[in-house]
Protein backbone atom coordinates (compact mmCIF):
# COMPACT_ATOMS: atom_id res chain seq x y z
CA UNK A 1 -25.57 38.79 -27.89
CA UNK A 2 -23.02 39.48 -25.15
CA UNK A 3 -25.60 41.64 -23.35
CA UNK A 4 -27.94 38.69 -22.91
CA UNK A 5 -25.55 35.70 -22.85
CA UNK A 6 -24.66 36.02 -19.12
CA UNK A 7 -28.37 36.03 -18.27
CA UNK A 8 -28.88 32.91 -20.39
CA UNK A 9 -26.02 31.09 -18.63
CA UNK A 10 -27.08 32.04 -15.10
CA UNK A 11 -30.79 31.32 -15.55
CA UNK A 12 -30.15 28.04 -17.36
CA UNK A 13 -27.90 26.97 -14.47
CA UNK A 14 -30.65 27.90 -12.00
CA UNK A 15 -33.11 25.85 -14.03
CA UNK A 16 -30.64 22.94 -13.88
CA UNK A 17 -30.45 23.27 -10.09
CA UNK A 18 -34.23 23.40 -9.88
CA UNK A 19 -34.41 20.14 -11.84
CA UNK A 20 -31.62 18.48 -9.81
CA UNK A 21 -33.16 19.37 -6.45
CA UNK A 22 -36.62 18.23 -7.52
CA UNK A 23 -37.91 14.75 -6.73
CA UNK A 24 -37.68 13.28 -10.24
CA UNK A 25 -38.47 9.72 -11.25
CA UNK A 26 -36.10 8.99 -14.14
CA UNK A 27 -37.78 5.68 -14.92
CA UNK A 28 -40.96 7.42 -16.10
CA UNK A 29 -39.44 10.88 -16.73
CA UNK A 30 -41.87 12.65 -14.43
CA UNK A 31 -41.66 14.72 -11.25
CA UNK A 32 -43.05 13.64 -7.92
CA UNK A 33 -42.33 17.10 -6.50
CA UNK A 34 -40.77 20.16 -8.12
CA UNK A 35 -38.26 22.49 -6.48
CA UNK A 36 -39.42 26.12 -6.33
CA UNK A 37 -36.68 28.33 -4.87
CA UNK A 38 -34.11 28.19 -7.69
CA UNK A 39 -36.88 28.43 -10.26
CA UNK A 40 -38.32 31.55 -8.59
CA UNK A 41 -34.86 33.18 -8.46
CA UNK A 42 -34.48 32.44 -12.19
CA UNK A 43 -37.82 34.08 -12.97
CA UNK A 44 -36.95 37.15 -10.87
CA UNK A 45 -33.71 37.63 -12.82
CA UNK A 46 -35.59 37.33 -16.12
CA UNK A 47 -38.12 39.92 -14.95
CA UNK A 48 -35.46 42.41 -13.77
CA UNK A 49 -33.55 42.18 -17.05
CA UNK A 50 -36.71 42.76 -19.10
CA UNK A 51 -38.23 45.37 -16.81
CA UNK A 52 -35.14 47.60 -16.65
CA UNK A 53 -34.60 47.80 -20.40
CA UNK A 54 -34.43 51.24 -21.95
CA UNK A 55 -34.28 50.31 -25.63
CA UNK A 56 -35.05 47.28 -27.75
CA UNK A 57 -37.34 46.79 -30.73
CA UNK A 58 -40.69 48.57 -30.04
CA UNK A 59 -39.89 49.52 -26.44
CA UNK A 60 -39.54 53.18 -27.43
CA UNK A 61 -42.97 53.09 -29.11
CA UNK A 62 -44.67 51.70 -26.00
CA UNK A 63 -42.81 54.08 -23.73
CA UNK A 64 -43.68 57.10 -25.89
CA UNK A 65 -47.31 56.04 -26.14
CA UNK A 66 -47.54 55.70 -22.37
CA UNK A 67 -45.94 59.07 -21.73
CA UNK A 68 -48.51 60.70 -24.04
CA UNK A 69 -51.42 58.90 -22.37
CA UNK A 70 -53.79 60.82 -20.14
CA UNK A 71 -54.70 59.59 -16.66
CA UNK A 72 -57.88 57.57 -16.19
CA UNK A 73 -61.07 59.63 -15.90
CA UNK A 74 -64.73 58.78 -16.23
CA UNK A 75 -64.86 60.41 -19.66
CA UNK A 76 -61.91 58.64 -21.24
CA UNK A 77 -63.00 55.34 -19.66
CA UNK A 78 -66.42 55.68 -21.31
CA UNK A 79 -64.74 56.53 -24.61
CA UNK A 80 -63.05 53.10 -24.77
CA UNK A 81 -64.69 50.95 -27.44
CA UNK A 82 -64.69 47.52 -25.79
CA UNK A 83 -66.34 45.88 -28.81
CA UNK A 84 -63.59 46.86 -31.25
CA UNK A 85 -60.86 44.49 -30.11
CA UNK A 86 -58.52 45.63 -32.88
CA UNK A 87 -58.04 48.84 -30.86
CA UNK A 88 -56.82 46.79 -27.85
CA UNK A 89 -59.29 48.31 -25.36
CA UNK A 90 -58.00 46.26 -22.41
CA UNK A 91 -54.47 47.48 -22.99
CA UNK A 92 -55.70 51.07 -23.35
CA UNK A 93 -57.51 50.76 -20.00
CA UNK A 94 -54.37 49.45 -18.28
CA UNK A 95 -52.35 52.37 -19.68
CA UNK A 96 -54.92 54.86 -18.38
CA UNK A 97 -55.01 53.14 -14.99
CA UNK A 98 -51.22 53.08 -14.61
CA UNK A 99 -51.06 56.75 -15.57
CA UNK A 100 -53.75 57.50 -12.95
CA UNK A 101 -51.58 55.71 -10.35
CA UNK A 102 -48.65 57.92 -11.42
CA UNK A 103 -46.47 55.02 -12.52
CA UNK A 104 -43.37 56.12 -14.40
CA UNK A 105 -42.82 54.92 -17.95
CA UNK A 106 -40.12 52.56 -16.65
CA UNK A 107 -42.60 51.09 -14.16
CA UNK A 108 -45.00 50.63 -17.07
CA UNK A 109 -42.32 48.47 -18.74
CA UNK A 110 -41.56 46.69 -15.47
CA UNK A 111 -45.22 45.97 -14.68
CA UNK A 112 -45.85 44.19 -17.96
CA UNK A 113 -42.57 42.30 -17.63
CA UNK A 114 -43.64 41.04 -14.21
CA UNK A 115 -47.11 39.99 -15.33
CA UNK A 116 -46.14 38.39 -18.64
CA UNK A 117 -43.01 36.54 -17.52
CA UNK A 118 -44.38 35.38 -14.16
CA UNK A 119 -47.57 33.96 -15.71
CA UNK A 120 -45.76 32.28 -18.61
CA UNK A 121 -43.07 30.65 -16.47
CA UNK A 122 -45.62 29.53 -13.89
CA UNK A 123 -47.42 27.67 -16.68
CA UNK A 124 -44.12 26.12 -17.82
CA UNK A 125 -43.26 25.12 -14.25
CA UNK A 126 -46.64 23.46 -13.77
CA UNK A 127 -46.67 21.37 -16.95
CA UNK A 128 -43.02 20.73 -17.81
CA UNK A 129 -41.60 17.23 -17.42
CA UNK A 130 -38.05 18.68 -17.52
CA UNK A 131 -37.58 22.11 -15.93
CA UNK A 132 -34.01 22.42 -17.18
CA UNK A 133 -34.78 21.80 -20.86
CA UNK A 134 -38.09 23.66 -20.85
CA UNK A 135 -36.49 26.75 -19.28
CA UNK A 136 -33.63 26.59 -21.76
CA UNK A 137 -35.96 26.29 -24.76
CA UNK A 138 -38.16 29.06 -23.33
CA UNK A 139 -35.15 31.37 -23.35
CA UNK A 140 -34.28 30.41 -26.92
CA UNK A 141 -37.80 30.71 -28.31
CA UNK A 142 -39.70 33.19 -26.17
CA UNK A 143 -37.65 35.37 -23.87
CA UNK A 144 -36.41 37.96 -26.36
CA UNK A 145 -40.05 38.58 -27.36
CA UNK A 146 -40.71 39.72 -23.78
CA UNK A 147 -38.24 42.52 -24.50
CA UNK A 148 -40.16 43.68 -27.56
CA UNK A 149 -43.86 42.91 -28.00
CA UNK A 150 -45.55 44.02 -24.78
CA UNK A 151 -49.16 43.65 -25.88
CA UNK A 152 -48.71 40.33 -27.65
CA UNK A 153 -46.72 38.72 -24.84
CA UNK A 154 -49.09 39.83 -22.11
CA UNK A 155 -52.04 38.58 -24.17
CA UNK A 156 -50.22 35.28 -24.75
CA UNK A 157 -49.65 34.85 -21.01
CA UNK A 158 -53.37 35.36 -20.36
CA UNK A 159 -54.08 32.75 -23.04
CA UNK A 160 -51.96 30.30 -21.05
CA UNK A 161 -54.14 30.98 -18.01
CA UNK A 162 -57.10 30.15 -20.25
CA UNK A 163 -55.50 26.89 -21.39
CA UNK A 164 -54.83 25.93 -17.78
CA UNK A 165 -58.54 26.34 -17.09
CA UNK A 166 -59.38 24.31 -20.21
CA UNK A 167 -57.16 21.42 -19.07
CA UNK A 168 -59.00 21.48 -15.74
CA UNK A 169 -62.28 21.17 -17.64
CA UNK A 170 -63.43 24.71 -16.81
CA UNK A 171 -64.60 25.64 -20.28
CA UNK A 172 -66.53 28.78 -19.33
CA UNK A 173 -63.50 30.19 -17.53
CA UNK A 174 -61.39 29.24 -20.56
CA UNK A 175 -63.60 31.37 -22.80
CA UNK A 176 -63.73 34.25 -20.32
CA UNK A 177 -59.93 34.42 -20.05
CA UNK A 178 -59.63 34.37 -23.83
CA UNK A 179 -62.12 37.22 -24.10
CA UNK A 180 -60.06 39.22 -21.60
CA UNK A 181 -56.86 38.40 -23.53
CA UNK A 182 -58.49 39.46 -26.81
CA UNK A 183 -58.98 42.97 -25.40
CA UNK A 184 -55.19 43.16 -25.03
CA UNK A 185 -54.48 41.71 -28.49
CA UNK A 186 -57.04 40.19 -30.91
CA UNK A 187 -54.83 37.26 -31.99
CA UNK A 188 -55.67 35.68 -28.63
CA UNK A 189 -58.87 34.35 -30.17
CA UNK A 190 -56.72 31.85 -32.07
CA UNK A 191 -56.50 29.92 -28.79
CA UNK A 192 -60.14 28.88 -29.13
CA UNK A 193 -58.82 26.09 -31.36
CA UNK A 194 -57.18 24.51 -28.30
CA UNK A 195 -60.56 23.13 -27.25
CA UNK A 196 -60.41 20.84 -30.30
CA UNK A 197 -56.79 19.72 -29.89
CA UNK A 198 -56.92 16.99 -27.23
CA UNK A 199 -56.86 14.19 -29.83
CA UNK A 200 -53.91 11.81 -30.02
CA UNK A 201 -51.05 13.11 -32.18
CA UNK A 202 -50.56 11.39 -35.53
CA UNK A 203 -54.16 10.22 -35.67
CA UNK A 204 -56.24 10.86 -38.77
CA UNK A 205 -56.97 14.38 -37.51
CA UNK A 206 -53.24 15.16 -37.58
CA UNK A 207 -53.06 14.10 -41.22
CA UNK A 208 -56.03 16.34 -42.07
CA UNK A 209 -54.41 19.26 -40.25
CA UNK A 210 -51.04 18.86 -41.97
CA UNK A 211 -52.59 18.41 -45.39
CA UNK A 212 -54.85 21.43 -44.84
CA UNK A 213 -51.95 23.74 -44.04
CA UNK A 214 -49.99 22.45 -47.02
CA UNK A 215 -52.92 23.45 -49.24
CA UNK A 216 -53.23 26.84 -47.52
CA UNK A 217 -49.51 27.50 -47.95
CA UNK A 218 -49.35 26.64 -51.63
CA UNK A 219 -52.65 28.45 -52.27
CA UNK A 220 -51.73 31.50 -50.24
CA UNK A 221 -51.70 34.00 -53.11
CA UNK A 222 -55.24 33.05 -54.01
CA UNK A 223 -56.41 33.31 -50.38
CA UNK A 224 -54.71 36.54 -49.36
CA UNK A 225 -57.68 38.80 -50.12
CA UNK A 226 -59.90 36.67 -47.87
CA UNK A 227 -57.30 36.80 -45.12
CA UNK A 228 -57.32 40.59 -45.36
CA UNK A 229 -61.14 40.55 -45.09
CA UNK A 230 -60.98 38.42 -41.92
CA UNK A 231 -58.31 40.57 -40.27
CA UNK A 232 -60.36 43.68 -41.04
CA UNK A 233 -63.26 42.17 -39.08
CA UNK A 234 -61.15 42.07 -35.92
CA UNK A 235 -59.87 45.61 -36.41
CA UNK A 236 -56.46 44.96 -38.02
CA UNK A 237 -55.47 47.13 -40.99
CA UNK A 238 -53.46 44.70 -43.14
CA UNK A 239 -53.51 45.07 -46.92
CA UNK A 240 -52.79 42.60 -49.73
CA UNK A 241 -49.46 44.40 -50.22
CA UNK A 242 -48.56 43.95 -46.53
CA UNK A 243 -49.23 40.23 -46.62
CA UNK A 244 -47.40 39.49 -49.85
CA UNK A 245 -44.06 40.88 -48.73
CA UNK A 246 -41.08 38.64 -47.97
CA UNK A 247 -41.96 35.49 -46.08
CA UNK A 248 -40.54 34.09 -42.86
CA UNK A 249 -36.90 33.06 -42.67
CA UNK A 250 -36.74 29.41 -43.87
CA UNK A 251 -34.27 28.54 -41.09
CA UNK A 252 -36.74 29.69 -38.44
CA UNK A 253 -39.50 27.69 -40.13
CA UNK A 254 -37.29 24.58 -40.13
CA UNK A 255 -36.53 25.03 -36.42
CA UNK A 256 -40.21 25.43 -35.53
CA UNK A 257 -41.05 22.30 -37.52
CA UNK A 258 -38.50 20.09 -35.72
CA UNK A 259 -41.11 18.70 -33.25
CA UNK A 260 -43.30 17.67 -36.18
CA UNK A 261 -40.53 15.56 -37.69
CA UNK A 262 -39.37 14.19 -34.33
CA UNK A 263 -42.90 13.23 -33.28
CA UNK A 264 -43.42 11.58 -36.67
CA UNK A 265 -40.40 9.35 -36.05
CA UNK A 266 -41.76 8.50 -32.59
CA UNK A 267 -45.42 8.34 -33.60
CA UNK A 268 -45.97 4.67 -32.79
CA UNK A 269 -44.60 5.03 -29.27
CA UNK A 270 -46.65 8.18 -28.73
CA UNK A 271 -49.88 6.65 -30.03
CA UNK A 272 -49.68 3.40 -28.08
CA UNK A 273 -48.13 4.49 -24.78
CA UNK A 274 -49.61 7.93 -24.27
CA UNK A 275 -52.90 8.74 -22.56
CA UNK A 276 -51.89 12.18 -21.31
CA UNK A 277 -54.47 14.60 -22.69
CA UNK A 278 -52.61 17.83 -21.82
CA UNK A 279 -49.47 16.66 -23.59
CA UNK A 280 -51.63 15.72 -26.57
CA UNK A 281 -52.83 19.32 -26.55
CA UNK A 282 -49.29 20.70 -26.24
CA UNK A 283 -47.91 18.61 -29.08
CA UNK A 284 -50.85 19.33 -31.38
CA UNK A 285 -50.51 23.08 -30.82
CA UNK A 286 -46.75 22.76 -31.30
CA UNK A 287 -47.49 21.23 -34.70
CA UNK A 288 -49.90 24.10 -35.36
CA UNK A 289 -47.11 26.58 -34.62
CA UNK A 290 -44.87 24.86 -37.18
CA UNK A 291 -47.66 24.71 -39.75
CA UNK A 292 -48.46 28.40 -39.37
CA UNK A 293 -44.78 29.21 -39.83
CA UNK A 294 -44.83 27.10 -43.00
CA UNK A 295 -47.67 29.24 -44.37
CA UNK A 296 -45.59 32.31 -43.42
CA UNK A 297 -42.95 31.13 -45.89
CA UNK A 298 -45.20 32.27 -48.71
CA UNK A 299 -45.12 35.98 -47.92
CA UNK A 300 -47.14 36.59 -44.80
CA UNK A 301 -44.54 36.62 -42.01
CA UNK A 302 -46.08 39.87 -40.77
CA UNK A 303 -49.30 38.00 -39.88
CA UNK A 304 -48.83 34.22 -39.79
CA UNK A 305 -45.38 34.56 -38.28
CA UNK A 306 -46.83 36.52 -35.37
CA UNK A 307 -49.73 34.11 -34.96
CA UNK A 308 -47.29 31.18 -34.98
CA UNK A 309 -45.34 32.81 -32.13
CA UNK A 310 -48.46 32.74 -29.95
CA UNK A 311 -48.09 28.96 -29.63
CA UNK A 312 -44.35 28.90 -28.87
CA UNK A 313 -44.85 28.07 -25.14
CA UNK A 314 -46.08 24.66 -26.21
CA UNK A 315 -42.84 24.02 -28.11
CA UNK A 316 -40.85 24.36 -24.89
CA UNK A 317 -43.08 21.76 -23.21
CA UNK A 318 -43.38 19.33 -26.10
CA UNK A 319 -39.74 18.97 -27.10
CA UNK A 320 -38.55 17.65 -23.67
CA UNK A 321 -41.70 15.49 -23.49
CA UNK A 322 -40.84 13.91 -26.85
CA UNK A 323 -37.34 13.10 -25.62
CA UNK A 324 -38.74 10.65 -23.07
CA UNK A 325 -39.82 8.39 -25.95
CA UNK A 326 -36.25 8.09 -27.22
CA UNK A 327 -34.17 5.01 -26.44
CA UNK A 328 -31.93 5.69 -23.44
CA UNK A 329 -28.76 5.09 -25.44
CA UNK A 330 -29.75 7.86 -27.88
CA UNK A 331 -31.47 10.26 -25.50
CA UNK A 332 -28.33 11.97 -24.13
CA UNK A 333 -26.93 12.34 -27.66
CA UNK A 334 -30.12 13.91 -28.97
CA UNK A 335 -30.48 16.14 -25.89
CA UNK A 336 -26.90 17.40 -26.16
CA UNK A 337 -27.26 17.99 -29.89
CA UNK A 338 -30.52 19.88 -29.30
CA UNK A 339 -28.94 22.16 -26.69
CA UNK A 340 -26.04 22.99 -29.00
CA UNK A 341 -28.07 23.45 -32.18
CA UNK A 342 -30.76 25.56 -30.53
CA UNK A 343 -28.02 27.74 -29.05
CA UNK A 344 -26.59 28.20 -32.55
CA UNK A 345 -30.07 29.19 -33.75
CA UNK A 346 -30.46 31.63 -30.85
CA UNK A 347 -27.10 33.21 -31.68
CA UNK A 348 -28.08 33.52 -35.32
CA UNK A 349 -31.39 35.08 -34.28
CA UNK A 350 -29.62 37.68 -32.14
CA UNK A 351 -27.33 38.69 -34.98
CA UNK A 352 -29.63 38.39 -37.98
CA UNK A 353 -33.19 39.02 -36.74
CA UNK A 354 -34.87 42.32 -35.88
CA UNK A 355 -33.73 45.74 -36.98
CA UNK A 356 -30.14 45.50 -35.72
CA UNK A 357 -27.74 43.21 -33.90
CA UNK A 358 -29.13 42.62 -30.39
CA UNK A 359 -26.22 44.31 -28.57
CA UNK A 360 -26.55 47.41 -30.75
CA UNK A 361 -30.30 47.73 -30.33
CA UNK A 362 -30.58 46.80 -26.65
CA UNK A 363 -29.77 48.90 -23.58
CA UNK A 364 -30.89 48.82 -19.96
CA UNK A 365 -30.39 50.46 -16.60
CA UNK A 366 -29.49 48.70 -13.38
CA UNK A 367 -32.16 47.80 -10.84
CA UNK A 368 -30.63 50.30 -8.40
CA UNK A 369 -30.85 53.05 -11.03
CA UNK A 370 -34.50 52.17 -11.57
CA UNK A 371 -35.28 52.37 -7.85
CA UNK A 372 -33.26 55.59 -7.52
CA UNK A 373 -34.94 57.29 -10.50
CA UNK A 374 -38.36 56.45 -9.16
CA UNK A 375 -41.14 53.94 -9.55
CA UNK A 376 -43.64 56.79 -9.68
CA UNK A 377 -43.61 60.09 -11.55
């Protein structure tokens, strides 16, 4: 925790400065113009911290896999099975290409940190109605995953590019970006559902969605064999035993479901004063994230928990957006409480989640050490 806390404080302060120096209309809670410099500095610090890590979670697996990878040749390029997305052919190609360019294993880590974090935070910058809160929630919900799951986080960032194209009405480009992302990690195909999620929150469709996931959750044991069949089709090797292990932490599920309960309390204001289609999409996918985590309570955290995490960027956009529907006399109280409580959750996550306490599991080099040791082999 004390390894990452200074980064959290500094980057959150930079996000606050970015918000304060932006041209913000407090009467409608929207930006006329957003400040870039402080935000870019924040993103650079996040990238350096992630890219110079030596150990955390599966970092050693990715590093070892890269070191054992051969350089790109015509033969091993032709041997990539692009139709079997469960084998992550796009990621395999990038490994081969980086090895061909003689990138060191640390540069391999740095390269994916740059791509994943820059793309994700650019999306947040573009669509957030509160850069300070969105950046803070992004740190709480997403940032630590950038230090662990390289394939999933890079695929998720490409999915956000796809969603950006979808919001612009470029449906073919939306599908193409999702197909590219699916070659990095097959769960990306879940984002196809975004095309159906522009409806107003808490309409009849919301009720159907919530009720459907309740049924799926309580019927999970009966459905698990079919889930295994579906995951096998996309190249994953889950078994019934894998998916019936301990479920997701109930506290994490409760936290991910907060926007569902908050939006329910504000549903009338949302329904009658909102005509913003992208925020409809963000809130609906935020609800989907909570609903998937609910299903993960029943013993499938290894699958549904991971799928739920794919939609976490929408949580960091939706929560600040929901706050604008609060009465002004309550807004600062709710905002302050949210900052404190989400920090408590983040602290708990650092001490209780993963294989070990964050400070025990994590280590990194300095940027100067990285430059001195060499970007290339």
